[in-house]
Amino acid sequence: MNDLTPAQIEIAKAMSEDELQANILDMALKAGWLCYHTRPAMNKRGKWSSPMMGNPGFPDLVLARHPIVIFFELKSEKGKLTVQQQEWYHALPNCLVVKPRNWLSGEVEELLR
């Protein structure tokens, strides 16, 4: 977080993954990207889960604007990739781990513009 001001560092520490996701989706949609995210839902047993088949750990967001497809795994400042997320990260081209610091520094905006 060396390129952030002290105030931005505090904002990054306080920003949740949900807030980061909302910011990125808003910007991506305005910039003409197609966006995909699977939202968790409560199952019959009252537990939250994301319906899926196959390997867990798939990235949070898929953004596409011909000819580019980008996969974003979103994390809070303290968040770390799980083993399954690491497998997807290494298997997919253009897969990025994005934290609030990347949003506040302008890196995400530069990528999506």
Protein backbone atom coordinates (compact mmCIF):
# COMPACT_ATOMS: atom_id res chain seq x y z
CA MET A 1 0.00 0.00 0.00
CA ASN A 2 3.00 2.25 -0.47
CA ASP A 3 1.34 4.32 -3.19
CA LEU A 4 -1.69 5.21 -1.03
CA THR A 5 -2.09 8.18 1.28
CA PRO A 6 -2.55 7.49 5.01
CA ALA A 7 -6.28 8.26 4.63
CA GLN A 8 -6.58 5.81 1.70
CA ILE A 9 -4.81 3.12 3.73
CA GLU A 10 -7.44 3.47 6.47
CA ILE A 11 -10.25 3.37 3.90
CA ALA A 12 -8.73 0.23 2.33
CA LYS A 13 -8.55 -1.48 5.73
CA ALA A 14 -12.23 -0.66 6.39
CA MET A 15 -13.58 -1.61 2.94
CA SER A 16 -15.43 -4.92 2.81
CA GLU A 17 -15.27 -7.37 -0.07
CA ASP A 18 -18.93 -6.56 -0.81
CA GLU A 19 -18.16 -2.83 -1.07
CA LEU A 20 -15.19 -3.55 -3.33
CA GLN A 21 -17.36 -5.76 -5.53
CA ALA A 22 -20.11 -3.13 -5.80
CA ASN A 23 -17.56 -0.48 -6.82
CA ILE A 24 -15.97 -2.69 -9.46
CA LEU A 25 -19.29 -3.85 -10.91
CA ASP A 26 -20.58 -0.28 -11.12
CA MET A 27 -17.49 0.91 -12.96
CA ALA A 28 -17.30 -2.14 -15.23
CA LEU A 29 -20.94 -1.87 -16.30
CA LYS A 30 -20.55 1.86 -17.02
CA ALA A 31 -17.44 1.09 -19.10
CA GLY A 32 -19.30 -1.45 -21.24
CA TRP A 33 -18.07 -4.73 -19.75
CA LEU A 34 -20.30 -7.80 -19.50
CA CYS A 35 -20.22 -8.87 -15.85
CA TYR A 36 -20.98 -12.15 -14.08
CA HIS A 37 -21.12 -12.99 -10.38
CA THR A 38 -22.80 -15.92 -8.64
CA ARG A 39 -24.61 -14.76 -5.53
CA PRO A 40 -25.02 -17.08 -2.56
CA ALA A 41 -28.54 -18.21 -1.67
CA MET A 42 -30.04 -19.86 1.38
CA ASN A 43 -30.78 -23.53 0.88
CA LYS A 44 -33.67 -25.54 2.36
CA ARG A 45 -31.61 -26.27 5.47
CA GLY A 46 -31.06 -22.57 6.16
CA LYS A 47 -27.41 -22.54 5.11
CA TRP A 48 -25.91 -20.04 2.69
CA SER A 49 -24.14 -21.47 -0.35
CA SER A 50 -23.41 -20.70 -3.99
CA PRO A 51 -24.97 -23.29 -6.28
CA MET A 52 -22.26 -24.85 -8.42
CA MET A 53 -20.93 -28.06 -9.86
CA GLY A 54 -17.28 -28.91 -10.26
CA ASN A 55 -14.33 -27.45 -8.41
CA PRO A 56 -14.93 -24.85 -5.70
CA GLY A 57 -12.95 -21.63 -5.54
CA PHE A 58 -13.92 -20.12 -8.90
CA PRO A 59 -13.23 -16.33 -9.02
CA ASP A 60 -15.83 -13.86 -7.77
CA LEU A 61 -16.24 -11.87 -10.97
CA VAL A 62 -15.94 -12.57 -14.67
CA LEU A 63 -15.70 -9.46 -16.86
CA ALA A 64 -15.73 -9.60 -20.65
CA ARG A 65 -15.37 -6.99 -23.37
CA HIS A 66 -14.33 -8.41 -26.73
CA PRO A 67 -11.65 -9.70 -27.07
CA ILE A 68 -10.73 -9.58 -23.36
CA VAL A 69 -11.97 -11.76 -20.48
CA ILE A 70 -10.75 -10.99 -16.95
CA PHE A 71 -11.36 -13.02 -13.80
CA PHE A 72 -11.29 -11.16 -10.47
CA GLU A 73 -10.88 -12.87 -7.12
CA LEU A 74 -11.83 -10.21 -4.58
CA LYS A 75 -10.33 -10.06 -1.12
CA SER A 76 -10.41 -7.66 1.80
CA GLU A 77 -7.03 -6.22 2.76
CA LYS A 78 -6.45 -9.09 5.18
CA GLY A 79 -8.01 -11.74 2.93
CA LYS A 80 -5.96 -14.65 1.58
CA LEU A 81 -6.62 -17.12 -1.21
CA THR A 82 -7.82 -20.57 -0.24
CA VAL A 83 -6.07 -23.58 -1.75
CA GLN A 84 -8.97 -24.00 -4.21
CA GLN A 85 -8.82 -20.31 -5.19
CA GLN A 86 -5.08 -20.63 -5.77
CA GLU A 87 -5.71 -23.53 -8.15
CA TRP A 88 -8.15 -21.44 -10.22
CA TYR A 89 -5.82 -18.42 -10.06
CA HIS A 90 -2.99 -20.45 -11.61
CA ALA A 91 -5.23 -22.24 -14.13
CA LEU A 92 -7.00 -19.20 -15.62
CA PRO A 93 -5.41 -16.63 -17.90
CA ASN A 94 -6.03 -13.02 -16.86
CA CYS A 95 -6.97 -13.95 -13.29
CA LEU A 96 -6.26 -11.19 -10.79
CA VAL A 97 -6.52 -10.93 -7.03
CA VAL A 98 -8.03 -7.52 -6.31
CA LYS A 99 -8.01 -5.84 -2.91
CA PRO A 100 -9.30 -2.43 -1.81
CA ARG A 101 -5.80 -0.98 -2.25
CA ASN A 102 -6.00 -1.83 -5.98
CA TRP A 103 -9.30 0.00 -6.21
CA LEU A 104 -8.13 3.07 -4.31
CA SER A 105 -4.84 3.33 -6.22
CA GLY A 106 -6.68 3.51 -9.55
CA GLU A 107 -5.28 0.21 -10.86
CA VAL A 108 -8.73 -1.29 -11.43
CA GLU A 109 -10.01 1.84 -13.18
CA GLU A 110 -6.97 1.85 -15.47
CA LEU A 111 -7.61 -1.79 -16.36
CA LEU A 112 -11.32 -1.29 -17.09
CA ARG A 113 -11.13 1.94 -19.09
